[in-house]
Amino acid sequence: MISRIMCMCAINSPLCSVRPNGSSSAARTAARAGKSERQRKAMQIEMPELLRRQPAADDQPWLLSFSDLVTLLLAFFVLFFAISQVDQSKFEMIMEYFSESRQMPLHKLEEKLQQLIAEYQLQESVDVELTKDGLLLNFQDKILFASGRAELKEEAGPVLDAIAAIFRTPEVADRSIQVEGHTDTLPLSKNAIYPSNWELSTARSARVIRYLIDRGLVPQRFVAVGFADTRLREPEDEARRGLPVNRRVSLLVK
């Protein structure tokens, strides 16, 4: 009896008590659960901040490409509109300026020829005009040829030499020149050298070309044309025939 009481006292004594294994495991589980709960709460606090920092563009990367496309389309339509509004004469001047040959613009060549005409005092018989086809230099036949003939007069030499010098310059050397012969409506006499105004106008244009080639111009630049009386500057009829303004040689510079 005494031994049984001593054993019970020993068991109930705090110094002799032994905790079962299940109690220790439960404590560790509770500790881990508490730590997980703290981590979860920390993540709940940090996630909104991360979401606020996340760029919205990452969710829609196509917006960058789309904005570039819209910009390019806008630039294209602006350029298209600008080109459609360009004045034709200004466009030709721009093209002439940027051409590789650096040709002299026709309006500058016109100024040079006007100065030459004034220098030789030929305003009454020579004129120059800028047309849609090119620069047209007109000589009345009286300063170049005798009536009904295609041999150049001696006094025509100086002015043709000066014109050849201008046409030889590098700024003009690449331009083509069409030499045109024109007559009035009066037929040639039966004893004339040429059977009609067609042959006379063609022979005169060819003679001017030959003279300019002899002064150093390249033959490939020239075209000889005879128009006879088909392109009158002033109309003629029975009352007004044989007008001097219609008898001419024209140099069309292109």
C-alpha atoms as a PDB file:
ATOM      1  CA  MET A   1       0.000   0.000   0.000  1.00  0.00           C
ATOM      2  CA  ILE A   2       2.715   2.405   0.917  1.00  0.00           C
ATOM      3  CA  SER A   3       4.590   1.609  -2.328  1.00  0.00           C
ATOM      4  CA  ARG A   4       1.485   2.271  -4.429  1.00  0.00           C
ATOM      5  CA  ILE A   5       0.929   5.673  -2.805  1.00  0.00           C
ATOM      6  CA  MET A   6       4.577   6.618  -3.450  1.00  0.00           C
ATOM      7  CA  CYS A   7       4.239   5.674  -7.112  1.00  0.00           C
ATOM      8  CA  MET A   8       1.119   7.802  -7.525  1.00  0.00           C
ATOM      9  CA  CYS A   9       2.814  10.739  -5.870  1.00  0.00           C
ATOM     10  CA  ALA A  10       5.733  10.330  -8.130  1.00  0.00           C
ATOM     11  CA  ILE A  11       3.521  10.350 -11.172  1.00  0.00           C
ATOM     12  CA  ASN A  12       1.550  13.452 -10.078  1.00  0.00           C
ATOM     13  CA  SER A  13       4.731  15.359  -9.114  1.00  0.00           C
ATOM     14  CA  PRO A  14       5.722  18.098 -11.609  1.00  0.00           C
ATOM     15  CA  LEU A  15       9.302  17.000 -11.342  1.00  0.00           C
ATOM     16  CA  CYS A  16       8.550  13.505 -12.336  1.00  0.00           C
ATOM     17  CA  SER A  17       5.850  14.242 -14.989  1.00  0.00           C
ATOM     18  CA  VAL A  18       6.559  13.084 -18.556  1.00  0.00           C
ATOM     19  CA  ARG A  19       4.706  14.862 -21.512  1.00  0.00           C
ATOM     20  CA  PRO A  20       3.422  12.601 -24.186  1.00  0.00           C
ATOM     21  CA  ASN A  21       4.859  12.904 -27.771  1.00  0.00           C
ATOM     22  CA  GLY A  22       1.539  14.177 -29.269  1.00  0.00           C
ATOM     23  CA  SER A  23       1.665  17.422 -27.301  1.00  0.00           C
ATOM     24  CA  SER A  24       5.121  18.447 -28.732  1.00  0.00           C
ATOM     25  CA  SER A  25       4.051  17.781 -32.350  1.00  0.00           C
ATOM     26  CA  ALA A  26       0.940  19.884 -31.951  1.00  0.00           C
ATOM     27  CA  ALA A  27       2.998  22.811 -30.685  1.00  0.00           C
ATOM     28  CA  ARG A  28       5.288  22.739 -33.692  1.00  0.00           C
ATOM     29  CA  THR A  29       2.320  22.581 -36.080  1.00  0.00           C
ATOM     30  CA  ALA A  30       0.755  25.560 -34.378  1.00  0.00           C
ATOM     31  CA  ALA A  31       4.010  27.523 -34.681  1.00  0.00           C
ATOM     32  CA  ARG A  32       4.276  26.820 -38.386  1.00  0.00           C
ATOM     33  CA  ALA A  33       0.648  27.772 -38.912  1.00  0.00           C
ATOM     34  CA  GLY A  34       1.249  31.062 -37.168  1.00  0.00           C
ATOM     35  CA  LYS A  35       4.286  31.813 -39.321  1.00  0.00           C
ATOM     36  CA  SER A  36       2.343  30.990 -42.516  1.00  0.00           C
ATOM     37  CA  GLU A  37      -0.458  33.289 -41.425  1.00  0.00           C
ATOM     38  CA  ARG A  38       1.990  36.145 -40.861  1.00  0.00           C
ATOM     39  CA  GLN A  39       3.573  35.581 -44.314  1.00  0.00           C
ATOM     40  CA  ARG A  40       0.156  35.517 -45.957  1.00  0.00           C
ATOM     41  CA  LYS A  41      -0.792  38.812 -44.335  1.00  0.00           C
ATOM     42  CA  ALA A  42       2.544  40.334 -45.419  1.00  0.00           C
ATOM     43  CA  MET A  43       1.910  39.245 -49.008  1.00  0.00           C
ATOM     44  CA  GLN A  44      -1.582  40.725 -48.873  1.00  0.00           C
ATOM     45  CA  ILE A  45      -0.020  44.046 -47.943  1.00  0.00           C
ATOM     46  CA  GLU A  46       2.705  43.916 -50.646  1.00  0.00           C
ATOM     47  CA  MET A  47       0.587  42.691 -53.610  1.00  0.00           C
ATOM     48  CA  PRO A  48      -1.428  45.915 -54.110  1.00  0.00           C
ATOM     49  CA  GLU A  49       1.833  47.862 -54.216  1.00  0.00           C
ATOM     50  CA  LEU A  50       3.211  45.496 -56.862  1.00  0.00           C
ATOM     51  CA  LEU A  51       0.023  45.783 -58.882  1.00  0.00           C
ATOM     52  CA  ARG A  52       0.258  49.563 -58.766  1.00  0.00           C
ATOM     53  CA  ARG A  53       3.817  49.399 -60.090  1.00  0.00           C
ATOM     54  CA  GLN A  54       2.968  47.002 -62.954  1.00  0.00           C
ATOM     55  CA  PRO A  55       2.956  48.922 -66.306  1.00  0.00           C
ATOM     56  CA  ALA A  56      -0.379  48.802 -68.080  1.00  0.00           C
ATOM     57  CA  ALA A  57       1.343  48.592 -71.499  1.00  0.00           C
ATOM     58  CA  ASP A  58       2.680  45.136 -70.667  1.00  0.00           C
ATOM     59  CA  ASP A  59      -0.849  43.822 -70.891  1.00  0.00           C
ATOM     60  CA  GLN A  60      -1.338  45.412 -74.401  1.00  0.00           C
ATOM     61  CA  PRO A  61       1.957  45.384 -76.366  1.00  0.00           C
ATOM     62  CA  TRP A  62       0.122  45.835 -79.696  1.00  0.00           C
ATOM     63  CA  LEU A  63      -0.607  49.470 -78.816  1.00  0.00           C
ATOM     64  CA  LEU A  64       2.973  50.491 -79.649  1.00  0.00           C
ATOM     65  CA  SER A  65       2.839  48.958 -83.125  1.00  0.00           C
ATOM     66  CA  PHE A  66      -0.607  50.419 -83.740  1.00  0.00           C
ATOM     67  CA  SER A  67       0.509  53.922 -82.782  1.00  0.00           C
ATOM     68  CA  ASP A  68       3.501  53.646 -85.145  1.00  0.00           C
ATOM     69  CA  LEU A  69       1.188  52.587 -87.970  1.00  0.00           C
ATOM     70  CA  VAL A  70      -1.145  55.526 -87.374  1.00  0.00           C
ATOM     71  CA  THR A  71       1.809  57.935 -87.387  1.00  0.00           C
ATOM     72  CA  LEU A  72       3.116  56.552 -90.685  1.00  0.00           C
ATOM     73  CA  LEU A  73      -0.316  56.777 -92.299  1.00  0.00           C
ATOM     74  CA  LEU A  74      -0.665  60.383 -91.172  1.00  0.00           C
ATOM     75  CA  ALA A  75       2.752  61.256 -92.622  1.00  0.00           C
ATOM     76  CA  PHE A  76       1.828  59.560 -95.912  1.00  0.00           C
ATOM     77  CA  PHE A  77      -1.412  61.507 -96.321  1.00  0.00           C
ATOM     78  CA  VAL A  78       0.277  64.804 -95.468  1.00  0.00           C
ATOM     79  CA  LEU A  79       2.967  64.121 -98.085  1.00  0.00           C
ATOM     80  CA  PHE A  80       0.366  63.051-100.646  1.00  0.00           C
ATOM     81  CA  PHE A  81      -1.617  66.238-100.078  1.00  0.00           C
ATOM     82  CA  ALA A  82       1.498  68.398-100.359  1.00  0.00           C
ATOM     83  CA  ILE A  83       2.529  66.800-103.663  1.00  0.00           C
ATOM     84  CA  SER A  84      -0.946  67.201-105.131  1.00  0.00           C
ATOM     85  CA  GLN A  85      -0.817  70.955-104.446  1.00  0.00           C
ATOM     86  CA  VAL A  86       2.608  71.642-106.026  1.00  0.00           C
ATOM     87  CA  ASP A  87       2.560  74.208-108.820  1.00  0.00           C
ATOM     88  CA  GLN A  88       3.801  72.697-112.089  1.00  0.00           C
ATOM     89  CA  SER A  89       6.278  75.481-112.850  1.00  0.00           C
ATOM     90  CA  LYS A  90       7.724  75.317-109.326  1.00  0.00           C
ATOM     91  CA  PHE A  91       7.978  71.546-109.569  1.00  0.00           C
ATOM     92  CA  GLU A  92       9.932  71.828-112.837  1.00  0.00           C
ATOM     93  CA  MET A  93      12.274  74.368-111.263  1.00  0.00           C
ATOM     94  CA  ILE A  94      12.897  71.998-108.342  1.00  0.00           C
ATOM     95  CA  MET A  95      13.555  69.092-110.692  1.00  0.00           C
ATOM     96  CA  GLU A  96      15.973  71.171-112.729  1.00  0.00           C
ATOM     97  CA  TYR A  97      17.840  72.227-109.602  1.00  0.00           C
ATOM     98  CA  PHE A  98      18.288  68.690-108.322  1.00  0.00           C
ATOM     99  CA  SER A  99      19.106  67.129-111.697  1.00  0.00           C
ATOM    100  CA  GLU A 100      22.551  65.534-111.871  1.00  0.00           C
ATOM    101  CA  SER A 101      23.623  67.618-114.862  1.00  0.00           C
ATOM    102  CA  ARG A 102      22.894  70.880-113.017  1.00  0.00           C
ATOM    103  CA  GLN A 103      21.363  72.408-116.147  1.00  0.00           C
ATOM    104  CA  MET A 104      20.756  76.119-116.304  1.00  0.00           C
ATOM    105  CA  PRO A 105      17.025  76.749-115.742  1.00  0.00           C
ATOM    106  CA  LEU A 106      15.285  77.932-118.887  1.00  0.00           C
ATOM    107  CA  HIS A 107      14.233  81.211-117.306  1.00  0.00           C
ATOM    108  CA  LYS A 108      17.910  81.963-116.600  1.00  0.00           C
ATOM    109  CA  LEU A 109      18.804  81.098-120.190  1.00  0.00           C
ATOM    110  CA  GLU A 110      16.042  83.429-121.339  1.00  0.00           C
ATOM    111  CA  GLU A 111      17.639  86.276-119.387  1.00  0.00           C
ATOM    112  CA  LYS A 112      21.022  85.608-121.009  1.00  0.00           C
ATOM    113  CA  LEU A 113      19.527  85.636-124.496  1.00  0.00           C
ATOM    114  CA  GLN A 114      17.598  88.834-123.753  1.00  0.00           C
ATOM    115  CA  GLN A 115      20.865  90.492-122.742  1.00  0.00           C
ATOM    116  CA  LEU A 116      22.459  89.262-125.964  1.00  0.00           C
ATOM    117  CA  ILE A 117      19.601  90.642-128.068  1.00  0.00           C
ATOM    118  CA  ALA A 118      19.914  94.023-126.367  1.00  0.00           C
ATOM    119  CA  GLU A 119      23.701  94.020-126.801  1.00  0.00           C
ATOM    120  CA  TYR A 120      23.387  93.518-130.576  1.00  0.00           C
ATOM    121  CA  GLN A 121      20.344  95.832-130.773  1.00  0.00           C
ATOM    122  CA  LEU A 122      18.202  93.189-132.432  1.00  0.00           C
ATOM    123  CA  GLN A 123      14.958  93.845-130.568  1.00  0.00           C
ATOM    124  CA  GLU A 124      13.124  94.566-133.833  1.00  0.00           C
ATOM    125  CA  SER A 125      13.983  91.263-135.497  1.00  0.00           C
ATOM    126  CA  VAL A 126      14.814  88.763-132.705  1.00  0.00           C
ATOM    127  CA  ASP A 127      12.707  87.773-129.711  1.00  0.00           C
ATOM    128  CA  VAL A 128      12.717  85.051-127.084  1.00  0.00           C
ATOM    129  CA  GLU A 129       9.818  83.526-125.152  1.00  0.00           C
ATOM    130  CA  LEU A 130       9.340  80.743-122.632  1.00  0.00           C
ATOM    131  CA  THR A 131       6.662  78.278-123.778  1.00  0.00           C
ATOM    132  CA  LYS A 132       5.252  74.992-122.515  1.00  0.00           C
ATOM    133  CA  ASP A 133       7.507  73.175-125.001  1.00  0.00           C
ATOM    134  CA  GLY A 134      10.708  74.996-124.075  1.00  0.00           C
ATOM    135  CA  LEU A 135      12.551  78.249-124.721  1.00  0.00           C
ATOM    136  CA  LEU A 136      11.817  79.641-128.191  1.00  0.00           C
ATOM    137  CA  LEU A 137      14.281  82.001-129.909  1.00  0.00           C
ATOM    138  CA  ASN A 138      12.829  83.567-133.085  1.00  0.00           C
ATOM    139  CA  PHE A 139      14.873  85.201-135.887  1.00  0.00           C
ATOM    140  CA  GLN A 140      13.124  87.052-138.689  1.00  0.00           C
ATOM    141  CA  ASP A 141      14.573  85.808-141.942  1.00  0.00           C
ATOM    142  CA  LYS A 142      15.865  89.223-143.057  1.00  0.00           C
ATOM    143  CA  ILE A 143      18.822  89.139-140.626  1.00  0.00           C
ATOM    144  CA  LEU A 144      19.809  85.597-141.630  1.00  0.00           C
ATOM    145  CA  PHE A 145      18.869  85.024-145.298  1.00  0.00           C
ATOM    146  CA  ALA A 146      18.141  86.801-148.527  1.00  0.00           C
ATOM    147  CA  SER A 147      14.668  86.356-149.992  1.00  0.00           C
ATOM    148  CA  GLY A 148      14.075  82.841-151.310  1.00  0.00           C
ATOM    149  CA  ARG A 149      17.554  81.646-150.385  1.00  0.00           C
ATOM    150  CA  ALA A 150      19.131  79.451-147.654  1.00  0.00           C
ATOM    151  CA  GLU A 151      22.699  80.824-147.537  1.00  0.00           C
ATOM    152  CA  LEU A 152      23.457  82.732-144.356  1.00  0.00           C
ATOM    153  CA  LYS A 153      24.223  86.418-144.665  1.00  0.00           C
ATOM    154  CA  GLU A 154      27.640  87.544-143.535  1.00  0.00           C
ATOM    155  CA  GLU A 155      26.161  89.872-140.919  1.00  0.00           C
ATOM    156  CA  ALA A 156      24.401  86.892-139.283  1.00  0.00           C
ATOM    157  CA  GLY A 157      27.759  85.469-138.172  1.00  0.00           C
ATOM    158  CA  PRO A 158      28.441  87.552-135.011  1.00  0.00           C
ATOM    159  CA  VAL A 159      25.060  86.970-133.373  1.00  0.00           C
ATOM    160  CA  LEU A 160      25.087  83.235-134.216  1.00  0.00           C
ATOM    161  CA  ASP A 161      28.622  82.991-132.807  1.00  0.00           C
ATOM    162  CA  ALA A 162      27.466  84.572-129.546  1.00  0.00           C
ATOM    163  CA  ILE A 163      24.505  82.181-129.349  1.00  0.00           C
ATOM    164  CA  ALA A 164      26.775  79.203-130.023  1.00  0.00           C
ATOM    165  CA  ALA A 165      29.037  80.315-127.157  1.00  0.00           C
ATOM    166  CA  ILE A 166      26.060  80.299-124.778  1.00  0.00           C
ATOM    167  CA  PHE A 167      24.887  76.900-126.006  1.00  0.00           C
ATOM    168  CA  ARG A 168      28.377  75.436-125.467  1.00  0.00           C
ATOM    169  CA  THR A 169      28.453  76.254-121.755  1.00  0.00           C
ATOM    170  CA  PRO A 170      28.216  73.207-119.437  1.00  0.00           C
ATOM    171  CA  GLU A 171      24.926  74.446-117.968  1.00  0.00           C
ATOM    172  CA  VAL A 172      23.262  74.328-121.409  1.00  0.00           C
ATOM    173  CA  ALA A 173      25.339  71.671-123.188  1.00  0.00           C
ATOM    174  CA  ASP A 174      22.925  68.828-122.369  1.00  0.00           C
ATOM    175  CA  ARG A 175      19.841  70.519-123.787  1.00  0.00           C
ATOM    176  CA  SER A 176      18.457  69.554-127.191  1.00  0.00           C
ATOM    177  CA  ILE A 177      17.735  72.193-129.847  1.00  0.00           C
ATOM    178  CA  GLN A 178      15.060  71.952-132.501  1.00  0.00           C
ATOM    179  CA  VAL A 179      15.676  74.381-135.373  1.00  0.00           C
ATOM    180  CA  GLU A 180      12.483  75.241-137.244  1.00  0.00           C
ATOM    181  CA  GLY A 181      12.129  76.959-140.607  1.00  0.00           C
ATOM    182  CA  HIS A 182       8.964  78.988-141.301  1.00  0.00           C
ATOM    183  CA  THR A 183       7.716  80.967-144.304  1.00  0.00           C
ATOM    184  CA  ASP A 184       4.786  83.212-145.179  1.00  0.00           C
ATOM    185  CA  THR A 185       1.905  82.138-147.415  1.00  0.00           C
ATOM    186  CA  LEU A 186       3.313  83.611-150.618  1.00  0.00           C
ATOM    187  CA  PRO A 187       4.412  80.896-153.071  1.00  0.00           C
ATOM    188  CA  LEU A 188       7.913  80.983-154.501  1.00  0.00           C
ATOM    189  CA  SER A 189       8.494  82.253-158.012  1.00  0.00           C
ATOM    190  CA  LYS A 190       8.888  79.813-160.882  1.00  0.00           C
ATOM    191  CA  ASN A 191      12.592  80.660-161.146  1.00  0.00           C
ATOM    192  CA  ALA A 192      13.278  80.096-157.433  1.00  0.00           C
ATOM    193  CA  ILE A 193      15.966  77.662-156.306  1.00  0.00           C
ATOM    194  CA  TYR A 194      13.484  75.658-154.242  1.00  0.00           C
ATOM    195  CA  PRO A 195      10.227  74.288-155.645  1.00  0.00           C
ATOM    196  CA  SER A 196       8.126  75.256-152.602  1.00  0.00           C
ATOM    197  CA  ASN A 197       8.190  76.771-149.154  1.00  0.00           C
ATOM    198  CA  TRP A 198       8.599  73.282-147.683  1.00  0.00           C
ATOM    199  CA  GLU A 199      12.028  72.810-149.196  1.00  0.00           C
ATOM    200  CA  LEU A 200      13.022  76.406-148.442  1.00  0.00           C
ATOM    201  CA  SER A 201      12.049  76.241-144.760  1.00  0.00           C
ATOM    202  CA  THR A 202      13.795  72.881-144.287  1.00  0.00           C
ATOM    203  CA  ALA A 203      16.969  74.046-146.046  1.00  0.00           C
ATOM    204  CA  ARG A 204      17.158  77.144-143.850  1.00  0.00           C
ATOM    205  CA  SER A 205      16.833  75.177-140.611  1.00  0.00           C
ATOM    206  CA  ALA A 206      19.507  72.731-141.794  1.00  0.00           C
ATOM    207  CA  ARG A 207      21.852  75.611-142.707  1.00  0.00           C
ATOM    208  CA  VAL A 208      21.589  77.158-139.230  1.00  0.00           C
ATOM    209  CA  ILE A 209      22.311  73.773-137.645  1.00  0.00           C
ATOM    210  CA  ARG A 210      25.369  73.292-139.853  1.00  0.00           C
ATOM    211  CA  TYR A 211      26.705  76.687-138.784  1.00  0.00           C
ATOM    212  CA  LEU A 212      26.273  75.909-135.064  1.00  0.00           C
ATOM    213  CA  ILE A 213      27.896  72.472-135.442  1.00  0.00           C
ATOM    214  CA  ASP A 214      30.883  74.142-137.115  1.00  0.00           C
ATOM    215  CA  ARG A 215      31.138  76.318-133.988  1.00  0.00           C
ATOM    216  CA  GLY A 216      31.610  73.309-131.711  1.00  0.00           C
ATOM    217  CA  LEU A 217      28.099  72.149-130.824  1.00  0.00           C
ATOM    218  CA  VAL A 218      27.376  68.409-130.803  1.00  0.00           C
ATOM    219  CA  PRO A 219      25.306  67.240-133.832  1.00  0.00           C
ATOM    220  CA  GLN A 220      23.231  64.864-131.690  1.00  0.00           C
ATOM    221  CA  ARG A 221      21.637  67.833-129.959  1.00  0.00           C
ATOM    222  CA  PHE A 222      19.874  69.076-133.090  1.00  0.00           C
ATOM    223  CA  VAL A 223      16.684  68.365-135.010  1.00  0.00           C
ATOM    224  CA  ALA A 224      15.925  70.152-138.309  1.00  0.00           C
ATOM    225  CA  VAL A 225      12.274  70.869-139.100  1.00  0.00           C
ATOM    226  CA  GLY A 226      10.603  72.715-141.985  1.00  0.00           C
ATOM    227  CA  PHE A 227       7.044  73.927-141.384  1.00  0.00           C
ATOM    228  CA  ALA A 228       6.607  76.095-144.493  1.00  0.00           C
ATOM    229  CA  ASP A 229       3.539  78.321-143.875  1.00  0.00           C
ATOM    230  CA  THR A 230       1.660  75.938-141.545  1.00  0.00           C
ATOM    231  CA  ARG A 231       2.545  77.720-138.281  1.00  0.00           C
ATOM    232  CA  LEU A 232       2.023  81.432-138.795  1.00  0.00           C
ATOM    233  CA  ARG A 233       2.598  83.862-135.961  1.00  0.00           C
ATOM    234  CA  GLU A 234       0.147  86.297-137.558  1.00  0.00           C
ATOM    235  CA  PRO A 235      -2.777  85.124-139.721  1.00  0.00           C
ATOM    236  CA  GLU A 236      -2.638  85.982-143.409  1.00  0.00           C
ATOM    237  CA  ASP A 237      -5.361  86.363-146.012  1.00  0.00           C
ATOM    238  CA  GLU A 238      -5.706  87.852-149.481  1.00  0.00           C
ATOM    239  CA  ALA A 239      -5.444  91.346-148.032  1.00  0.00           C
ATOM    240  CA  ARG A 240      -2.551  90.591-145.719  1.00  0.00           C
ATOM    241  CA  ARG A 241       0.022  88.243-147.178  1.00  0.00           C
ATOM    242  CA  GLY A 242       3.776  87.953-146.950  1.00  0.00           C
ATOM    243  CA  LEU A 243       4.084  89.265-143.397  1.00  0.00           C
ATOM    244  CA  PRO A 244       7.740  89.487-142.291  1.00  0.00           C
ATOM    245  CA  VAL A 245       6.911  88.182-138.800  1.00  0.00           C
ATOM    246  CA  ASN A 246       5.955  84.839-140.352  1.00  0.00           C
ATOM    247  CA  ARG A 247       9.212  84.417-142.279  1.00  0.00           C
ATOM    248  CA  ARG A 248      11.511  83.244-139.541  1.00  0.00           C
ATOM    249  CA  VAL A 249      13.848  80.617-138.124  1.00  0.00           C
ATOM    250  CA  SER A 250      13.122  79.474-134.577  1.00  0.00           C
ATOM    251  CA  LEU A 251      15.395  77.673-132.131  1.00  0.00           C
ATOM    252  CA  LEU A 252      13.423  75.648-129.589  1.00  0.00           C
ATOM    253  CA  VAL A 253      15.643  74.782-126.616  1.00  0.00           C
ATOM    254  CA  LYS A 254      14.335  71.865-124.529  1.00  0.00           C
END
